[in-house]
Amino acid sequence: MGQIFFTSDHHFGHTNIIKFCERPFADINEMNEALIKRWNEKISPEDEVYHIGDFAKTKDYDQVADILDRLNGTKYLIVGNHEGPALHHRKKFKWAKEYFELKVKDSECKNGVQRIILFHYAMRVWRGDFRGTWHLYGHSHGNLLDKDNRLSFDVGVDCHDYYPLSYDEVKAIMKTKKWEPPFESRNI
């Protein structure tokens, strides 16, 4: 097994996303190719990728199959609000779920495990948030103010130069947060 990566909101095949999110691409073909290139620059065939929604929005379902075949790694899909084309090719993902609680082995964490809630939409509270569980989301395309006292943030491509983030990159961002366990002094 390789590394673990997180990303969201590629919107492969979605012409209007270029305008809506002011993406620096001349057209949909340039955008699709750039997103594929950046994905494969970081992700190897042995890696695992958790795509946290809005993989593609297009009527060209064959194009989505081709894109999925070109992307490195074992792909998992957290369903977003634009998943018709991706779900049409559900078998190209290891699984597709609405919500997932991931446990990553990490010797630096309490009990040797970092828990991560994966959901397309940002939540204000989530299971285990008061114990240091992270929450990774998409959907907002960088338009939702990040709170530096919460262990959550938008992993969408519009926020990260159109690249997926590795577990270590996510961990580094979480270490910059000013989060403190709310009940630590009360021994709850």
C-alpha atoms as a PDB file:
ATOM      1  CA  MET A   1       0.000   0.000   0.000  1.00  0.00           C
ATOM      2  CA  GLY A   2       1.205   3.485  -0.860  1.00  0.00           C
ATOM      3  CA  GLN A   3       0.182   6.859   0.476  1.00  0.00           C
ATOM      4  CA  ILE A   4      -3.292   8.231   1.206  1.00  0.00           C
ATOM      5  CA  PHE A   5      -4.581  11.303  -0.652  1.00  0.00           C
ATOM      6  CA  PHE A   6      -7.657  13.532  -0.410  1.00  0.00           C
ATOM      7  CA  THR A   7      -9.273  15.798  -2.968  1.00  0.00           C
ATOM      8  CA  SER A   8     -12.645  17.010  -4.229  1.00  0.00           C
ATOM      9  CA  ASP A   9     -14.559  19.122  -6.721  1.00  0.00           C
ATOM     10  CA  HIS A  10     -12.749  18.337  -9.940  1.00  0.00           C
ATOM     11  CA  HIS A  11     -15.961  18.795 -11.929  1.00  0.00           C
ATOM     12  CA  PHE A  12     -14.432  16.980 -14.903  1.00  0.00           C
ATOM     13  CA  GLY A  13     -16.322  17.922 -18.063  1.00  0.00           C
ATOM     14  CA  HIS A  14     -18.141  20.873 -16.457  1.00  0.00           C
ATOM     15  CA  THR A  15     -17.635  23.836 -18.790  1.00  0.00           C
ATOM     16  CA  ASN A  16     -19.266  26.429 -16.526  1.00  0.00           C
ATOM     17  CA  ILE A  17     -17.040  25.631 -13.529  1.00  0.00           C
ATOM     18  CA  ILE A  18     -14.219  27.476 -15.327  1.00  0.00           C
ATOM     19  CA  LYS A  19     -16.243  30.679 -15.167  1.00  0.00           C
ATOM     20  CA  PHE A  20     -17.942  30.050 -11.801  1.00  0.00           C
ATOM     21  CA  CYS A  21     -14.642  29.395  -9.984  1.00  0.00           C
ATOM     22  CA  GLU A  22     -12.422  31.545 -12.208  1.00  0.00           C
ATOM     23  CA  ARG A  23     -10.269  28.552 -13.077  1.00  0.00           C
ATOM     24  CA  PRO A  24      -7.237  29.476 -15.219  1.00  0.00           C
ATOM     25  CA  PHE A  25      -8.096  27.247 -18.179  1.00  0.00           C
ATOM     26  CA  ALA A  26      -9.081  28.256 -21.706  1.00  0.00           C
ATOM     27  CA  ASP A  27     -11.598  25.446 -22.134  1.00  0.00           C
ATOM     28  CA  ILE A  28     -12.840  22.161 -20.716  1.00  0.00           C
ATOM     29  CA  ASN A  29     -10.249  20.040 -22.522  1.00  0.00           C
ATOM     30  CA  GLU A  30      -7.387  22.099 -21.095  1.00  0.00           C
ATOM     31  CA  MET A  31      -8.924  21.889 -17.619  1.00  0.00           C
ATOM     32  CA  ASN A  32      -9.493  18.125 -17.777  1.00  0.00           C
ATOM     33  CA  GLU A  33      -5.940  17.495 -18.994  1.00  0.00           C
ATOM     34  CA  ALA A  34      -4.404  19.785 -16.353  1.00  0.00           C
ATOM     35  CA  LEU A  35      -6.388  18.112 -13.568  1.00  0.00           C
ATOM     36  CA  ILE A  36      -5.387  14.635 -14.768  1.00  0.00           C
ATOM     37  CA  LYS A  37      -1.735  15.706 -15.016  1.00  0.00           C
ATOM     38  CA  ARG A  38      -1.671  17.206 -11.515  1.00  0.00           C
ATOM     39  CA  TRP A  39      -3.402  14.149 -10.048  1.00  0.00           C
ATOM     40  CA  ASN A  40      -0.875  11.778 -11.613  1.00  0.00           C
ATOM     41  CA  GLU A  41       2.114  13.973 -10.688  1.00  0.00           C
ATOM     42  CA  LYS A  42       1.408  13.228  -7.023  1.00  0.00           C
ATOM     43  CA  ILE A  43      -0.448   9.934  -7.004  1.00  0.00           C
ATOM     44  CA  SER A  44       1.108   6.612  -7.971  1.00  0.00           C
ATOM     45  CA  PRO A  45      -0.801   3.440  -8.922  1.00  0.00           C
ATOM     46  CA  GLU A  46      -0.207   2.049  -5.390  1.00  0.00           C
ATOM     47  CA  ASP A  47      -1.760   5.044  -3.608  1.00  0.00           C
ATOM     48  CA  GLU A  48      -5.303   5.441  -2.282  1.00  0.00           C
ATOM     49  CA  VAL A  49      -7.376   8.514  -3.142  1.00  0.00           C
ATOM     50  CA  TYR A  50     -10.482   9.639  -1.293  1.00  0.00           C
ATOM     51  CA  HIS A  51     -12.410  11.907  -3.651  1.00  0.00           C
ATOM     52  CA  ILE A  52     -14.809  13.905  -1.485  1.00  0.00           C
ATOM     53  CA  GLY A  53     -17.430  14.654  -4.088  1.00  0.00           C
ATOM     54  CA  ASP A  54     -18.271  16.341  -7.368  1.00  0.00           C
ATOM     55  CA  PHE A  55     -15.981  14.230  -9.491  1.00  0.00           C
ATOM     56  CA  ALA A  56     -17.600  15.107 -12.837  1.00  0.00           C
ATOM     57  CA  LYS A  57     -20.503  17.020 -14.305  1.00  0.00           C
ATOM     58  CA  THR A  58     -21.014  16.175 -17.954  1.00  0.00           C
ATOM     59  CA  LYS A  59     -23.357  14.324 -20.267  1.00  0.00           C
ATOM     60  CA  ASP A  60     -20.391  12.528 -21.850  1.00  0.00           C
ATOM     61  CA  TYR A  61     -20.276   9.458 -19.607  1.00  0.00           C
ATOM     62  CA  ASP A  62     -17.721   7.759 -21.883  1.00  0.00           C
ATOM     63  CA  GLN A  63     -15.339  10.661 -21.255  1.00  0.00           C
ATOM     64  CA  VAL A  64     -15.692  10.100 -17.493  1.00  0.00           C
ATOM     65  CA  ALA A  65     -14.788   6.418 -17.917  1.00  0.00           C
ATOM     66  CA  ASP A  66     -11.704   7.422 -19.899  1.00  0.00           C
ATOM     67  CA  ILE A  67     -10.674   9.960 -17.239  1.00  0.00           C
ATOM     68  CA  LEU A  68     -11.119   7.419 -14.435  1.00  0.00           C
ATOM     69  CA  ASP A  69      -8.958   4.936 -16.340  1.00  0.00           C
ATOM     70  CA  ARG A  70      -6.205   7.531 -16.729  1.00  0.00           C
ATOM     71  CA  LEU A  71      -6.059   8.516 -13.040  1.00  0.00           C
ATOM     72  CA  ASN A  72      -3.560   6.711 -10.817  1.00  0.00           C
ATOM     73  CA  GLY A  73      -4.446   5.064  -7.536  1.00  0.00           C
ATOM     74  CA  THR A  74      -7.285   3.180  -5.953  1.00  0.00           C
ATOM     75  CA  LYS A  75     -10.192   5.599  -5.937  1.00  0.00           C
ATOM     76  CA  TYR A  76     -12.897   5.935  -3.266  1.00  0.00           C
ATOM     77  CA  LEU A  77     -15.838   8.297  -3.788  1.00  0.00           C
ATOM     78  CA  ILE A  78     -17.675  10.313  -1.188  1.00  0.00           C
ATOM     79  CA  VAL A  79     -20.828  11.280  -3.040  1.00  0.00           C
ATOM     80  CA  GLY A  80     -21.313  14.981  -3.708  1.00  0.00           C
ATOM     81  CA  ASN A  81     -24.179  16.803  -5.363  1.00  0.00           C
ATOM     82  CA  HIS A  82     -22.881  16.250  -8.938  1.00  0.00           C
ATOM     83  CA  GLU A  83     -22.207  12.501  -9.190  1.00  0.00           C
ATOM     84  CA  GLY A  84     -24.401  11.137 -11.984  1.00  0.00           C
ATOM     85  CA  PRO A  85     -21.472  10.516 -14.359  1.00  0.00           C
ATOM     86  CA  ALA A  86     -19.211   9.082 -11.633  1.00  0.00           C
ATOM     87  CA  LEU A  87     -21.910   6.817 -10.214  1.00  0.00           C
ATOM     88  CA  HIS A  88     -22.636   5.578 -13.720  1.00  0.00           C
ATOM     89  CA  HIS A  89     -19.099   4.121 -13.490  1.00  0.00           C
ATOM     90  CA  ARG A  90     -19.349   3.065  -9.833  1.00  0.00           C
ATOM     91  CA  LYS A  91     -17.267  -0.075 -10.463  1.00  0.00           C
ATOM     92  CA  LYS A  92     -14.238   2.079 -11.276  1.00  0.00           C
ATOM     93  CA  PHE A  93     -14.213   3.142  -7.609  1.00  0.00           C
ATOM     94  CA  LYS A  94     -13.358   0.782  -4.758  1.00  0.00           C
ATOM     95  CA  TRP A  95     -16.599   2.027  -3.216  1.00  0.00           C
ATOM     96  CA  ALA A  96     -18.936   5.045  -3.214  1.00  0.00           C
ATOM     97  CA  LYS A  97     -20.517   6.267   0.032  1.00  0.00           C
ATOM     98  CA  GLU A  98     -22.377   9.325   1.250  1.00  0.00           C
ATOM     99  CA  TYR A  99     -20.187   9.635   4.367  1.00  0.00           C
ATOM    100  CA  PHE A 100     -17.166   7.808   5.726  1.00  0.00           C
ATOM    101  CA  GLU A 101     -15.159   7.682   8.951  1.00  0.00           C
ATOM    102  CA  LEU A 102     -11.573   6.850   8.017  1.00  0.00           C
ATOM    103  CA  LYS A 103      -8.981   5.613  10.505  1.00  0.00           C
ATOM    104  CA  VAL A 104      -5.341   6.198   9.535  1.00  0.00           C
ATOM    105  CA  LYS A 105      -2.539   4.536  11.485  1.00  0.00           C
ATOM    106  CA  ASP A 106      -0.282   7.290  12.817  1.00  0.00           C
ATOM    107  CA  SER A 107       2.112   6.725  15.703  1.00  0.00           C
ATOM    108  CA  GLU A 108       2.016  10.439  16.593  1.00  0.00           C
ATOM    109  CA  CYS A 109      -1.708  10.247  17.408  1.00  0.00           C
ATOM    110  CA  LYS A 110      -3.463   9.158  20.567  1.00  0.00           C
ATOM    111  CA  ASN A 111      -3.984   5.389  20.380  1.00  0.00           C
ATOM    112  CA  GLY A 112      -1.921   5.366  17.165  1.00  0.00           C
ATOM    113  CA  VAL A 113      -4.873   6.328  14.968  1.00  0.00           C
ATOM    114  CA  GLN A 114      -6.039   9.561  13.356  1.00  0.00           C
ATOM    115  CA  ARG A 115      -9.776   9.569  12.736  1.00  0.00           C
ATOM    116  CA  ILE A 116     -11.040  11.565   9.756  1.00  0.00           C
ATOM    117  CA  ILE A 117     -14.644  12.316   8.825  1.00  0.00           C
ATOM    118  CA  LEU A 118     -15.114  12.518   5.049  1.00  0.00           C
ATOM    119  CA  PHE A 119     -18.280  14.276   3.889  1.00  0.00           C
ATOM    120  CA  HIS A 120     -18.858  16.465   0.835  1.00  0.00           C
ATOM    121  CA  TYR A 121     -20.411  19.244   2.888  1.00  0.00           C
ATOM    122  CA  ALA A 122     -18.784  21.210   5.699  1.00  0.00           C
ATOM    123  CA  MET A 123     -20.112  20.518   9.174  1.00  0.00           C
ATOM    124  CA  ARG A 124     -19.835  22.723  12.240  1.00  0.00           C
ATOM    125  CA  VAL A 125     -19.628  19.697  14.535  1.00  0.00           C
ATOM    126  CA  TRP A 126     -18.955  16.040  13.804  1.00  0.00           C
ATOM    127  CA  ARG A 127     -18.436  12.770  15.631  1.00  0.00           C
ATOM    128  CA  GLY A 128     -15.313  13.001  17.776  1.00  0.00           C
ATOM    129  CA  ASP A 129     -14.543  16.636  16.939  1.00  0.00           C
ATOM    130  CA  PHE A 130     -13.861  17.340  20.612  1.00  0.00           C
ATOM    131  CA  ARG A 131     -11.328  14.476  20.661  1.00  0.00           C
ATOM    132  CA  GLY A 132      -9.249  15.642  17.701  1.00  0.00           C
ATOM    133  CA  THR A 133     -11.063  13.896  14.859  1.00  0.00           C
ATOM    134  CA  TRP A 134     -10.541  15.776  11.590  1.00  0.00           C
ATOM    135  CA  HIS A 135     -13.233  16.648   9.065  1.00  0.00           C
ATOM    136  CA  LEU A 136     -12.358  17.017   5.366  1.00  0.00           C
ATOM    137  CA  TYR A 137     -14.932  18.383   2.945  1.00  0.00           C
ATOM    138  CA  GLY A 138     -15.398  19.979  -0.447  1.00  0.00           C
ATOM    139  CA  HIS A 139     -18.406  21.642  -2.094  1.00  0.00           C
ATOM    140  CA  SER A 140     -17.539  25.236  -1.165  1.00  0.00           C
ATOM    141  CA  HIS A 141     -14.730  25.791  -3.723  1.00  0.00           C
ATOM    142  CA  GLY A 142     -12.836  27.918  -1.214  1.00  0.00           C
ATOM    143  CA  ASN A 143     -15.787  30.226  -0.553  1.00  0.00           C
ATOM    144  CA  LEU A 144     -16.321  29.102   3.038  1.00  0.00           C
ATOM    145  CA  LEU A 145     -14.171  30.834   5.623  1.00  0.00           C
ATOM    146  CA  ASP A 146     -11.770  28.351   7.249  1.00  0.00           C
ATOM    147  CA  LYS A 147     -11.803  28.411  11.039  1.00  0.00           C
ATOM    148  CA  ASP A 148      -8.344  28.063  12.533  1.00  0.00           C
ATOM    149  CA  ASN A 149      -9.764  26.668  15.789  1.00  0.00           C
ATOM    150  CA  ARG A 150     -11.533  23.752  14.038  1.00  0.00           C
ATOM    151  CA  LEU A 151      -9.823  20.621  12.716  1.00  0.00           C
ATOM    152  CA  SER A 152     -11.499  20.822   9.327  1.00  0.00           C
ATOM    153  CA  PHE A 153     -10.957  22.394   5.931  1.00  0.00           C
ATOM    154  CA  ASP A 154     -11.874  22.288   2.240  1.00  0.00           C
ATOM    155  CA  VAL A 155      -9.691  19.837   0.280  1.00  0.00           C
ATOM    156  CA  GLY A 156     -11.165  20.905  -3.066  1.00  0.00           C
ATOM    157  CA  VAL A 157      -8.874  21.471  -6.020  1.00  0.00           C
ATOM    158  CA  ASP A 158      -9.799  25.162  -6.187  1.00  0.00           C
ATOM    159  CA  CYS A 159      -8.124  25.642  -2.791  1.00  0.00           C
ATOM    160  CA  HIS A 160      -4.905  23.697  -3.460  1.00  0.00           C
ATOM    161  CA  ASP A 161      -3.604  24.716  -6.888  1.00  0.00           C
ATOM    162  CA  TYR A 162      -5.646  21.898  -8.476  1.00  0.00           C
ATOM    163  CA  TYR A 163      -3.660  19.152  -6.707  1.00  0.00           C
ATOM    164  CA  PRO A 164      -4.759  16.400  -4.320  1.00  0.00           C
ATOM    165  CA  LEU A 165      -3.326  16.540  -0.788  1.00  0.00           C
ATOM    166  CA  SER A 166      -1.458  13.701   0.869  1.00  0.00           C
ATOM    167  CA  TYR A 167      -2.208  12.620   4.415  1.00  0.00           C
ATOM    168  CA  ASP A 168       1.062  14.286   5.487  1.00  0.00           C
ATOM    169  CA  GLU A 169       0.061  17.556   3.799  1.00  0.00           C
ATOM    170  CA  VAL A 170      -3.319  17.476   5.535  1.00  0.00           C
ATOM    171  CA  LYS A 171      -1.581  16.722   8.844  1.00  0.00           C
ATOM    172  CA  ALA A 172       0.761  19.695   8.353  1.00  0.00           C
ATOM    173  CA  ILE A 173      -2.216  21.995   7.758  1.00  0.00           C
ATOM    174  CA  MET A 174      -3.997  20.621  10.834  1.00  0.00           C
ATOM    175  CA  LYS A 175      -0.883  21.328  12.931  1.00  0.00           C
ATOM    176  CA  THR A 176      -1.220  25.028  12.064  1.00  0.00           C
ATOM    177  CA  LYS A 177      -4.694  25.121  13.608  1.00  0.00           C
ATOM    178  CA  LYS A 178      -5.208  26.642  17.064  1.00  0.00           C
ATOM    179  CA  TRP A 179      -7.522  23.835  18.187  1.00  0.00           C
ATOM    180  CA  GLU A 180      -7.442  22.700  21.803  1.00  0.00           C
ATOM    181  CA  PRO A 181      -9.428  19.837  23.348  1.00  0.00           C
ATOM    182  CA  PRO A 182     -12.468  21.577  24.904  1.00  0.00           C
ATOM    183  CA  PHE A 183     -12.931  19.172  27.813  1.00  0.00           C
ATOM    184  CA  GLU A 184      -9.323  18.291  28.619  1.00  0.00           C
ATOM    185  CA  SER A 185      -9.296  20.066  31.975  1.00  0.00           C
ATOM    186  CA  ARG A 186     -12.614  18.501  33.005  1.00  0.00           C
ATOM    187  CA  ASN A 187     -11.558  14.845  32.411  1.00  0.00           C
ATOM    188  CA  ILE A 188     -14.666  13.928  30.444  1.00  0.00           C
END
